[in-house]
């Protein structure tokens, strides 16, 4: 059984990978949230997205998530 920390890291990486896979067109943040809402609250989701933006892992503009590097 994996630790909570390892599961959280994996979850965050899945979000980054999905955004990167979306490419330069990006992915609407609401669409991403609908995919993860069974596992996280909206507050937790927003916290994760804001942290990823702050740390330069992804970009966000007008509720669309984009890869950090295009």
C-alpha atoms as a PDB file:
ATOM      1  CA  UNK A   1       0.000   0.000   0.000  1.00  0.00           C
ATOM      2  CA  UNK A   2       1.460   3.376  -0.950  1.00  0.00           C
ATOM      3  CA  UNK A   3       1.759   6.246   1.491  1.00  0.00           C
ATOM      4  CA  UNK A   4      -0.496   9.307   1.367  1.00  0.00           C
ATOM      5  CA  UNK A   5       2.501  11.400   0.359  1.00  0.00           C
ATOM      6  CA  UNK A   6       3.351   9.114  -2.563  1.00  0.00           C
ATOM      7  CA  UNK A   7      -0.298   9.052  -3.656  1.00  0.00           C
ATOM      8  CA  UNK A   8      -0.479  12.863  -3.512  1.00  0.00           C
ATOM      9  CA  UNK A   9       2.715  13.192  -5.566  1.00  0.00           C
ATOM     10  CA  UNK A  10       1.368  10.761  -8.148  1.00  0.00           C
ATOM     11  CA  UNK A  11      -1.965  12.615  -8.301  1.00  0.00           C
ATOM     12  CA  UNK A  12      -0.216  15.949  -8.884  1.00  0.00           C
ATOM     13  CA  UNK A  13       1.987  14.404 -11.581  1.00  0.00           C
ATOM     14  CA  UNK A  14      -1.092  13.013 -13.331  1.00  0.00           C
ATOM     15  CA  UNK A  15      -2.530  16.545 -13.492  1.00  0.00           C
ATOM     16  CA  UNK A  16       0.736  17.951 -14.891  1.00  0.00           C
ATOM     17  CA  UNK A  17       0.936  15.131 -17.454  1.00  0.00           C
ATOM     18  CA  UNK A  18      -2.675  15.676 -18.562  1.00  0.00           C
ATOM     19  CA  UNK A  19      -2.070  19.409 -19.021  1.00  0.00           C
ATOM     20  CA  UNK A  20       1.123  18.707 -20.971  1.00  0.00           C
ATOM     21  CA  UNK A  21      -0.692  16.133 -23.119  1.00  0.00           C
ATOM     22  CA  UNK A  22      -3.331  18.749 -23.973  1.00  0.00           C
ATOM     23  CA  UNK A  23      -0.602  20.731 -25.726  1.00  0.00           C
ATOM     24  CA  UNK A  24      -0.695  24.395 -26.679  1.00  0.00           C
ATOM     25  CA  UNK A  25      -4.516  24.455 -26.898  1.00  0.00           C
ATOM     26  CA  UNK A  26      -4.690  23.737 -23.194  1.00  0.00           C
ATOM     27  CA  UNK A  27      -7.481  22.120 -21.230  1.00  0.00           C
ATOM     28  CA  UNK A  28     -10.335  23.934 -19.493  1.00  0.00           C
ATOM     29  CA  UNK A  29      -9.808  23.807 -15.752  1.00  0.00           C
ATOM     30  CA  UNK A  30     -13.463  22.901 -15.189  1.00  0.00           C
ATOM     31  CA  UNK A  31     -13.113  19.880 -17.446  1.00  0.00           C
ATOM     32  CA  UNK A  32     -10.015  18.778 -15.530  1.00  0.00           C
ATOM     33  CA  UNK A  33     -11.885  19.200 -12.245  1.00  0.00           C
ATOM     34  CA  UNK A  34     -14.785  17.031 -13.422  1.00  0.00           C
ATOM     35  CA  UNK A  35     -12.273  14.248 -14.015  1.00  0.00           C
ATOM     36  CA  UNK A  36     -10.865  14.454 -10.484  1.00  0.00           C
ATOM     37  CA  UNK A  37     -13.910  15.566  -8.472  1.00  0.00           C
ATOM     38  CA  UNK A  38     -14.635  12.049  -7.170  1.00  0.00           C
ATOM     39  CA  UNK A  39     -11.304  12.210  -5.316  1.00  0.00           C
ATOM     40  CA  UNK A  40     -10.758  15.853  -4.311  1.00  0.00           C
ATOM     41  CA  UNK A  41     -12.861  18.811  -3.246  1.00  0.00           C
ATOM     42  CA  UNK A  42     -12.925  21.977  -5.325  1.00  0.00           C
ATOM     43  CA  UNK A  43     -10.866  23.741  -2.642  1.00  0.00           C
ATOM     44  CA  UNK A  44      -8.179  21.064  -2.761  1.00  0.00           C
ATOM     45  CA  UNK A  45      -8.196  21.120  -6.554  1.00  0.00           C
ATOM     46  CA  UNK A  46      -7.791  24.909  -6.635  1.00  0.00           C
ATOM     47  CA  UNK A  47      -4.985  24.690  -4.072  1.00  0.00           C
ATOM     48  CA  UNK A  48      -3.139  22.126  -6.224  1.00  0.00           C
ATOM     49  CA  UNK A  49      -3.626  24.117  -9.451  1.00  0.00           C
ATOM     50  CA  UNK A  50      -2.480  27.357  -7.799  1.00  0.00           C
ATOM     51  CA  UNK A  51       0.591  25.615  -6.367  1.00  0.00           C
ATOM     52  CA  UNK A  52       1.469  24.151  -9.780  1.00  0.00           C
ATOM     53  CA  UNK A  53       1.149  27.598 -11.379  1.00  0.00           C
ATOM     54  CA  UNK A  54       3.233  29.224  -8.607  1.00  0.00           C
ATOM     55  CA  UNK A  55       5.981  26.640  -9.046  1.00  0.00           C
ATOM     56  CA  UNK A  56       6.019  26.991 -12.833  1.00  0.00           C
ATOM     57  CA  UNK A  57       4.797  23.469 -13.603  1.00  0.00           C
ATOM     58  CA  UNK A  58       1.759  24.705 -15.591  1.00  0.00           C
ATOM     59  CA  UNK A  59       0.239  28.031 -16.696  1.00  0.00           C
ATOM     60  CA  UNK A  60      -3.347  29.215 -16.321  1.00  0.00           C
ATOM     61  CA  UNK A  61      -5.208  31.903 -18.230  1.00  0.00           C
ATOM     62  CA  UNK A  62      -8.964  32.521 -18.187  1.00  0.00           C
ATOM     63  CA  UNK A  63      -9.618  29.155 -16.504  1.00  0.00           C
ATOM     64  CA  UNK A  64      -7.658  27.228 -19.130  1.00  0.00           C
ATOM     65  CA  UNK A  65      -4.607  25.201 -18.079  1.00  0.00           C
ATOM     66  CA  UNK A  66      -1.557  25.179 -20.364  1.00  0.00           C
ATOM     67  CA  UNK A  67       1.807  23.425 -20.294  1.00  0.00           C
ATOM     68  CA  UNK A  68       4.534  25.517 -18.687  1.00  0.00           C
ATOM     69  CA  UNK A  69       6.685  25.129 -21.798  1.00  0.00           C
ATOM     70  CA  UNK A  70       5.212  25.111 -25.267  1.00  0.00           C
END
